[in-house]
């Protein structure tokens, strides 16, 4: 599935709800479904700077595709990172670097996050793109 197809799927899921409390609940549920990160990856080097809560992000390149794993100590943040992983996991570094993430605006996420959570979202996105950049550089 392409990044845009996944984003369209997410937009469709969130459009089922009019109330933001229901959307927050969906985020919490998505975070709850996410597999826990192995303790060996919960290191300082995997901790994302700029997040109010603690978020660890692990990325591995396999056969030209990046696989992400993450964990957070905050339920909503865990849901946000689960969405980002859903969009980027299994994609190539080039696809991740070229991606236009329109789903964040379309589901109203950015406008309903506190400034500190918005900064955290941007920090997570930046880190995922940095991994893509690093893997791309290694391959060349």
N, C-alpha and C. Protein backbone atom coordinates (compact mmCIF):
# COMPACT_ATOMS: atom_id res chain seq x y z
N UNK A 1 0.83 -1.19 0.00
CA UNK A 1 0.00 0.00 0.00
C UNK A 1 0.88 1.25 0.00
N UNK A 2 0.47 2.26 -0.74
CA UNK A 2 1.27 3.49 -0.77
C UNK A 2 0.98 4.34 0.47
N UNK A 3 1.85 5.30 0.71
CA UNK A 3 1.66 6.22 1.84
C UNK A 3 0.33 6.95 1.71
N UNK A 4 0.00 7.41 0.52
CA UNK A 4 -1.25 8.14 0.33
C UNK A 4 -2.48 7.25 0.51
N UNK A 5 -2.40 6.00 0.10
CA UNK A 5 -3.53 5.07 0.31
C UNK A 5 -3.76 4.85 1.81
N UNK A 6 -2.68 4.72 2.55
CA UNK A 6 -2.79 4.53 4.00
C UNK A 6 -3.37 5.80 4.64
N UNK A 7 -2.90 6.96 4.21
CA UNK A 7 -3.43 8.21 4.75
C UNK A 7 -4.94 8.33 4.48
N UNK A 8 -5.36 7.97 3.27
CA UNK A 8 -6.78 8.05 2.92
C UNK A 8 -7.61 7.12 3.80
N UNK A 9 -7.05 5.96 4.10
CA UNK A 9 -7.71 4.99 4.99
C UNK A 9 -7.89 5.58 6.39
N UNK A 10 -6.85 6.22 6.90
CA UNK A 10 -6.90 6.84 8.23
C UNK A 10 -7.94 7.97 8.25
N UNK A 11 -7.96 8.79 7.22
CA UNK A 11 -8.92 9.89 7.12
C UNK A 11 -10.34 9.34 7.17
N UNK A 12 -10.56 8.25 6.43
CA UNK A 12 -11.88 7.62 6.40
C UNK A 12 -12.29 7.13 7.79
N UNK A 13 -11.35 6.50 8.51
CA UNK A 13 -11.64 6.00 9.87
C UNK A 13 -12.01 7.14 10.81
N UNK A 14 -11.28 8.24 10.72
CA UNK A 14 -11.54 9.37 11.62
C UNK A 14 -12.81 10.13 11.23
N UNK A 15 -13.20 10.07 9.96
CA UNK A 15 -14.41 10.76 9.51
C UNK A 15 -15.67 10.10 10.07
N UNK A 16 -15.55 8.88 10.57
CA UNK A 16 -16.69 8.20 11.18
C UNK A 16 -17.13 8.88 12.47
N UNK A 17 -16.26 9.75 13.02
CA UNK A 17 -16.55 10.40 14.30
C UNK A 17 -16.65 11.91 14.12
N UNK A 18 -17.68 12.51 14.69
CA UNK A 18 -17.84 13.96 14.65
C UNK A 18 -17.25 14.61 15.89
N UNK A 19 -17.36 13.93 17.00
CA UNK A 19 -16.94 14.48 18.28
C UNK A 19 -15.45 14.20 18.51
N UNK A 20 -14.71 15.23 18.97
CA UNK A 20 -13.29 15.03 19.18
C UNK A 20 -12.97 14.10 20.33
N UNK A 21 -13.88 13.97 21.27
CA UNK A 21 -13.64 13.01 22.36
C UNK A 21 -13.61 11.59 21.80
N UNK A 22 -14.44 11.32 20.81
CA UNK A 22 -14.44 10.00 20.16
C UNK A 22 -13.14 9.79 19.37
N UNK A 23 -12.66 10.86 18.74
CA UNK A 23 -11.40 10.76 17.99
C UNK A 23 -10.22 10.53 18.93
N UNK A 24 -10.24 11.20 20.08
CA UNK A 24 -9.19 10.96 21.08
C UNK A 24 -9.25 9.50 21.55
N UNK A 25 -10.47 9.00 21.74
CA UNK A 25 -10.62 7.61 22.16
C UNK A 25 -10.05 6.66 21.11
N UNK A 26 -10.28 6.97 19.83
CA UNK A 26 -9.73 6.16 18.75
C UNK A 26 -8.20 6.17 18.81
N UNK A 27 -7.62 7.35 19.05
CA UNK A 27 -6.16 7.45 19.19
C UNK A 27 -5.66 6.59 20.35
N UNK A 28 -6.36 6.67 21.48
CA UNK A 28 -5.96 5.88 22.65
C UNK A 28 -6.07 4.39 22.34
N UNK A 29 -7.14 4.00 21.65
CA UNK A 29 -7.31 2.59 21.26
C UNK A 29 -6.18 2.13 20.33
N UNK A 30 -5.83 2.97 19.36
CA UNK A 30 -4.75 2.63 18.43
C UNK A 30 -3.43 2.46 19.19
N UNK A 31 -3.18 3.33 20.14
CA UNK A 31 -1.98 3.22 20.96
C UNK A 31 -1.97 1.95 21.79
N UNK A 32 -3.15 1.58 22.29
CA UNK A 32 -3.27 0.36 23.09
C UNK A 32 -3.04 -0.91 22.29
N UNK A 33 -3.35 -0.85 20.99
CA UNK A 33 -3.17 -2.02 20.11
C UNK A 33 -1.72 -2.20 19.68
N UNK A 34 -0.95 -1.13 19.82
CA UNK A 34 0.43 -1.18 19.36
C UNK A 34 1.27 -2.12 20.21
N UNK A 35 2.11 -2.87 19.55
CA UNK A 35 2.99 -3.80 20.23
C UNK A 35 4.00 -3.03 21.08
N UNK A 36 4.28 -3.53 22.27
CA UNK A 36 5.25 -2.88 23.15
C UNK A 36 6.65 -2.95 22.54
N UNK A 37 7.41 -1.93 22.81
CA UNK A 37 8.79 -1.88 22.32
C UNK A 37 9.67 -2.71 23.24
N UNK A 38 10.51 -3.52 22.64
CA UNK A 38 11.45 -4.33 23.40
C UNK A 38 12.30 -3.41 24.28
N UNK A 39 12.51 -3.83 25.52
CA UNK A 39 13.27 -3.02 26.50
C UNK A 39 14.66 -2.63 25.98
N UNK A 40 15.26 -3.47 25.15
CA UNK A 40 16.62 -3.17 24.66
C UNK A 40 16.64 -1.92 23.77
N UNK A 41 15.46 -1.51 23.26
CA UNK A 41 15.39 -0.32 22.41
C UNK A 41 15.02 0.95 23.19
N UNK A 42 14.70 0.78 24.46
CA UNK A 42 14.34 1.95 25.28
C UNK A 42 15.62 2.58 25.84
N UNK A 43 16.36 3.17 24.92
CA UNK A 43 17.64 3.78 25.27
C UNK A 43 17.57 5.29 25.07
N UNK A 44 18.55 5.98 25.64
CA UNK A 44 18.62 7.43 25.47
C UNK A 44 18.72 7.81 23.99
N UNK A 45 19.47 7.03 23.22
CA UNK A 45 19.65 7.37 21.79
C UNK A 45 18.35 7.21 20.99
N UNK A 46 17.42 6.41 21.47
CA UNK A 46 16.14 6.23 20.78
C UNK A 46 15.05 7.17 21.31
N UNK A 47 15.35 7.92 22.34
CA UNK A 47 14.39 8.85 22.93
C UNK A 47 14.28 10.08 22.02
N UNK A 48 13.07 10.46 21.70
CA UNK A 48 12.87 11.61 20.81
C UNK A 48 12.89 12.89 21.62
N UNK A 49 13.75 13.80 21.21
CA UNK A 49 13.84 15.10 21.88
C UNK A 49 12.73 16.00 21.39
N UNK A 50 12.19 16.81 22.27
CA UNK A 50 11.14 17.74 21.88
C UNK A 50 9.75 17.25 22.22
N UNK A 51 9.65 16.06 22.79
CA UNK A 51 8.35 15.54 23.21
C UNK A 51 8.20 15.76 24.71
N UNK A 52 6.99 16.17 25.11
CA UNK A 52 6.71 16.36 26.52
C UNK A 52 6.73 15.00 27.24
N UNK A 53 6.13 14.00 26.60
CA UNK A 53 6.17 12.65 27.17
C UNK A 53 7.38 11.92 26.59
N UNK A 54 7.65 10.78 27.16
CA UNK A 54 8.79 10.00 26.69
C UNK A 54 8.34 9.14 25.51
N UNK A 55 9.08 9.27 24.39
CA UNK A 55 8.79 8.49 23.19
C UNK A 55 10.10 7.91 22.68
N UNK A 56 10.10 6.59 22.54
CA UNK A 56 11.26 5.90 21.98
C UNK A 56 10.89 5.44 20.58
N UNK A 57 11.84 5.60 19.65
CA UNK A 57 11.60 5.20 18.27
C UNK A 57 12.78 4.39 17.77
N UNK A 58 12.49 3.21 17.28
CA UNK A 58 13.51 2.32 16.72
C UNK A 58 13.20 2.12 15.24
N UNK A 59 14.22 2.21 14.41
CA UNK A 59 14.04 1.99 12.97
C UNK A 59 15.09 1.00 12.47
N UNK A 60 14.66 0.10 11.61
CA UNK A 60 15.56 -0.89 11.01
C UNK A 60 15.28 -0.95 9.52
N UNK A 61 16.33 -1.11 8.73
CA UNK A 61 16.18 -1.23 7.28
C UNK A 61 16.31 -2.70 6.91
N UNK A 62 15.29 -3.21 6.24
CA UNK A 62 15.31 -4.60 5.76
C UNK A 62 14.87 -4.62 4.31
N UNK A 63 15.72 -5.13 3.45
CA UNK A 63 15.42 -5.24 2.01
C UNK A 63 14.95 -3.91 1.42
N UNK A 64 15.58 -2.82 1.82
CA UNK A 64 15.26 -1.51 1.25
C UNK A 64 14.04 -0.83 1.83
N UNK A 65 13.42 -1.45 2.84
CA UNK A 65 12.22 -0.88 3.47
C UNK A 65 12.50 -0.65 4.95
N UNK A 66 11.99 0.47 5.46
CA UNK A 66 12.21 0.81 6.87
C UNK A 66 11.06 0.27 7.71
N UNK A 67 11.43 -0.33 8.83
CA UNK A 67 10.43 -0.83 9.78
C UNK A 67 10.62 -0.08 11.09
N UNK A 68 9.53 0.53 11.54
CA UNK A 68 9.56 1.33 12.76
C UNK A 68 8.85 0.62 13.90
N UNK A 69 9.38 0.85 15.09
CA UNK A 69 8.74 0.42 16.33
C UNK A 69 8.84 1.59 17.28
N UNK A 70 7.84 1.75 18.14
CA UNK A 70 7.90 2.87 19.07
C UNK A 70 7.10 2.56 20.32
N UNK A 71 7.33 3.38 21.32
CA UNK A 71 6.62 3.26 22.59
C UNK A 71 6.57 4.64 23.21
N UNK A 72 5.50 4.93 23.91
CA UNK A 72 5.39 6.18 24.66
C UNK A 72 4.74 5.89 26.00
N UNK A 73 5.03 6.78 26.96
CA UNK A 73 4.41 6.61 28.27
C UNK A 73 3.09 7.38 28.38
N UNK A 74 2.65 8.03 27.30
CA UNK A 74 1.38 8.76 27.28
C UNK A 74 0.45 8.12 26.25
N UNK A 75 -0.79 7.87 26.64
CA UNK A 75 -1.72 7.13 25.79
C UNK A 75 -2.01 7.81 24.45
N UNK A 76 -2.31 9.09 24.47
CA UNK A 76 -2.63 9.78 23.21
C UNK A 76 -1.40 9.84 22.31
N UNK A 77 -0.24 10.10 22.91
CA UNK A 77 1.01 10.15 22.13
C UNK A 77 1.30 8.78 21.52
N UNK A 78 1.02 7.74 22.28
CA UNK A 78 1.21 6.38 21.77
C UNK A 78 0.32 6.15 20.54
N UNK A 79 -0.89 6.71 20.57
CA UNK A 79 -1.80 6.62 19.43
C UNK A 79 -1.29 7.40 18.23
N UNK A 80 -0.73 8.58 18.50
CA UNK A 80 -0.19 9.41 17.41
C UNK A 80 0.98 8.70 16.74
N UNK A 81 1.88 8.17 17.55
CA UNK A 81 3.04 7.47 16.98
C UNK A 81 2.59 6.20 16.26
N UNK A 82 1.52 5.56 16.74
CA UNK A 82 0.97 4.37 16.05
C UNK A 82 0.48 4.75 14.66
N UNK A 83 -0.14 5.93 14.52
CA UNK A 83 -0.59 6.40 13.20
C UNK A 83 0.60 6.66 12.28
N UNK A 84 1.63 7.31 12.82
CA UNK A 84 2.82 7.61 12.01
C UNK A 84 3.49 6.31 11.55
N UNK A 85 3.56 5.35 12.45
CA UNK A 85 4.16 4.06 12.08
C UNK A 85 3.32 3.38 11.01
N UNK A 86 2.01 3.44 11.16
CA UNK A 86 1.12 2.82 10.17
C UNK A 86 1.37 3.41 8.78
N UNK A 87 1.60 4.71 8.72
CA UNK A 87 1.83 5.38 7.43
C UNK A 87 3.21 5.05 6.86
N UNK A 88 4.24 5.05 7.71
CA UNK A 88 5.62 4.93 7.23
C UNK A 88 6.21 3.52 7.27
N UNK A 89 5.69 2.64 8.10
CA UNK A 89 6.30 1.31 8.25
C UNK A 89 6.25 0.53 6.94
N UNK A 90 7.39 -0.04 6.58
CA UNK A 90 7.47 -0.85 5.37
C UNK A 90 7.67 -0.05 4.09
N UNK A 91 7.84 1.25 4.23
CA UNK A 91 8.06 2.10 3.06
C UNK A 91 9.56 2.25 2.80
N UNK A 92 9.91 2.71 1.62
CA UNK A 92 11.32 2.94 1.29
C UNK A 92 11.74 4.31 1.82
N UNK A 93 13.04 4.49 2.03
CA UNK A 93 13.52 5.82 2.46
C UNK A 93 13.07 6.93 1.50
N UNK A 94 13.15 6.69 0.19
CA UNK A 94 12.73 7.70 -0.79
C UNK A 94 11.26 8.07 -0.64
N UNK A 95 10.41 7.06 -0.46
CA UNK A 95 8.97 7.32 -0.31
C UNK A 95 8.69 8.13 0.96
N UNK A 96 9.39 7.81 2.03
CA UNK A 96 9.20 8.54 3.29
C UNK A 96 9.66 9.99 3.14
N UNK A 97 10.80 10.18 2.51
CA UNK A 97 11.33 11.53 2.34
C UNK A 97 10.45 12.38 1.41
N UNK A 98 9.81 11.75 0.45
CA UNK A 98 8.97 12.49 -0.51
C UNK A 98 7.53 12.66 -0.03
N UNK A 99 7.17 12.02 1.06
CA UNK A 99 5.78 11.99 1.51
C UNK A 99 5.26 13.37 1.93
N UNK A 100 4.03 13.64 1.51
CA UNK A 100 3.30 14.81 1.96
C UNK A 100 2.24 14.28 2.92
N UNK A 101 2.44 14.54 4.20
CA UNK A 101 1.51 13.99 5.20
C UNK A 101 0.31 14.92 5.38
N UNK A 102 -0.69 14.71 4.56
CA UNK A 102 -1.89 15.54 4.62
C UNK A 102 -2.92 15.02 5.61
N UNK A 103 -2.81 13.78 6.07
CA UNK A 103 -3.82 13.22 6.96
C UNK A 103 -3.88 13.95 8.31
N UNK A 104 -2.76 14.49 8.74
CA UNK A 104 -2.71 15.17 10.05
C UNK A 104 -3.66 16.36 10.05
N UNK A 105 -3.65 17.13 8.96
CA UNK A 105 -4.56 18.27 8.83
C UNK A 105 -6.00 17.80 8.60
N UNK A 106 -6.15 16.82 7.71
CA UNK A 106 -7.50 16.41 7.28
C UNK A 106 -8.31 15.78 8.40
N UNK A 107 -7.67 15.12 9.35
CA UNK A 107 -8.45 14.55 10.46
C UNK A 107 -8.58 15.56 11.61
N UNK A 108 -7.95 16.74 11.45
CA UNK A 108 -8.06 17.79 12.46
C UNK A 108 -7.13 17.60 13.64
N UNK A 109 -6.16 16.73 13.48
CA UNK A 109 -5.28 16.40 14.60
C UNK A 109 -4.46 17.60 15.06
N UNK A 110 -3.85 18.29 14.13
CA UNK A 110 -2.97 19.40 14.49
C UNK A 110 -3.72 20.47 15.31
N UNK A 111 -4.94 20.79 14.90
CA UNK A 111 -5.67 21.85 15.59
C UNK A 111 -6.21 21.41 16.95
N UNK A 112 -6.27 20.12 17.20
CA UNK A 112 -6.80 19.63 18.48
C UNK A 112 -5.72 19.16 19.45
N UNK A 113 -4.47 19.37 19.09
CA UNK A 113 -3.38 19.01 19.99
C UNK A 113 -2.89 20.25 20.72
N UNK A 114 -2.46 20.06 21.93
CA UNK A 114 -1.86 21.17 22.68
C UNK A 114 -0.55 21.55 21.98
N UNK A 115 -0.05 22.76 22.21
CA UNK A 115 1.21 23.16 21.57
C UNK A 115 2.36 22.19 21.88
N UNK A 116 2.42 21.68 23.09
CA UNK A 116 3.52 20.76 23.41
C UNK A 116 3.36 19.43 22.67
N UNK A 117 2.11 18.95 22.51
CA UNK A 117 1.89 17.71 21.76
C UNK A 117 2.16 17.93 20.27
N UNK A 118 1.81 19.11 19.77
CA UNK A 118 2.10 19.43 18.36
C UNK A 118 3.60 19.42 18.12
N UNK A 119 4.35 19.99 19.06
CA UNK A 119 5.82 19.96 18.95
C UNK A 119 6.32 18.53 18.97
N UNK A 120 5.73 17.71 19.81
CA UNK A 120 6.11 16.30 19.89
C UNK A 120 5.83 15.57 18.59
N UNK A 121 4.67 15.85 17.99
CA UNK A 121 4.32 15.26 16.69
C UNK A 121 5.36 15.63 15.64
N UNK A 122 5.72 16.91 15.60
CA UNK A 122 6.73 17.36 14.64
C UNK A 122 8.08 16.71 14.91
N UNK A 123 8.42 16.54 16.18
CA UNK A 123 9.69 15.89 16.54
C UNK A 123 9.70 14.42 16.09
N UNK A 124 8.57 13.73 16.26
CA UNK A 124 8.48 12.33 15.82
C UNK A 124 8.62 12.23 14.30
N UNK A 125 7.92 13.12 13.58
CA UNK A 125 8.01 13.14 12.12
C UNK A 125 9.44 13.41 11.66
N UNK A 126 10.05 14.39 12.29
CA UNK A 126 11.42 14.76 11.93
C UNK A 126 12.37 13.58 12.15
N UNK A 127 12.21 12.87 13.27
CA UNK A 127 13.07 11.74 13.56
C UNK A 127 12.88 10.62 12.54
N UNK A 128 11.64 10.36 12.16
CA UNK A 128 11.38 9.31 11.17
C UNK A 128 12.01 9.68 9.83
N UNK A 129 11.91 10.93 9.45
CA UNK A 129 12.52 11.38 8.19
C UNK A 129 14.04 11.35 8.29
N UNK A 130 14.59 11.64 9.48
CA UNK A 130 16.05 11.57 9.67
C UNK A 130 16.54 10.13 9.49
N UNK A 131 15.78 9.17 10.03
CA UNK A 131 16.15 7.76 9.82
C UNK A 131 16.14 7.44 8.33
N UNK A 132 15.11 7.90 7.62
CA UNK A 132 15.02 7.64 6.18
C UNK A 132 16.22 8.24 5.44
N UNK A 133 16.59 9.45 5.83
CA UNK A 133 17.73 10.13 5.23
C UNK A 133 19.02 9.36 5.49
N UNK A 134 19.18 8.90 6.73
CA UNK A 134 20.39 8.15 7.10
C UNK A 134 20.48 6.83 6.34
N UNK A 135 19.35 6.12 6.26
CA UNK A 135 19.37 4.84 5.53
C UNK A 135 19.63 5.05 4.05
N UNK A 136 19.08 6.12 3.50
CA UNK A 136 19.29 6.44 2.09
C UNK A 136 20.78 6.75 1.84
N UNK A 137 21.38 7.52 2.73
CA UNK A 137 22.79 7.88 2.59
C UNK A 137 23.69 6.66 2.68
N UNK A 138 23.34 5.74 3.56
CA UNK A 138 24.13 4.50 3.72
C UNK A 138 24.07 3.64 2.47
N UNK A 139 22.91 3.64 1.82
CA UNK A 139 22.70 2.80 0.63
C UNK A 139 23.47 3.32 -0.58
N UNK A 140 23.74 4.62 -0.60
CA UNK A 140 24.42 5.21 -1.77
C UNK A 140 25.92 5.15 -1.67
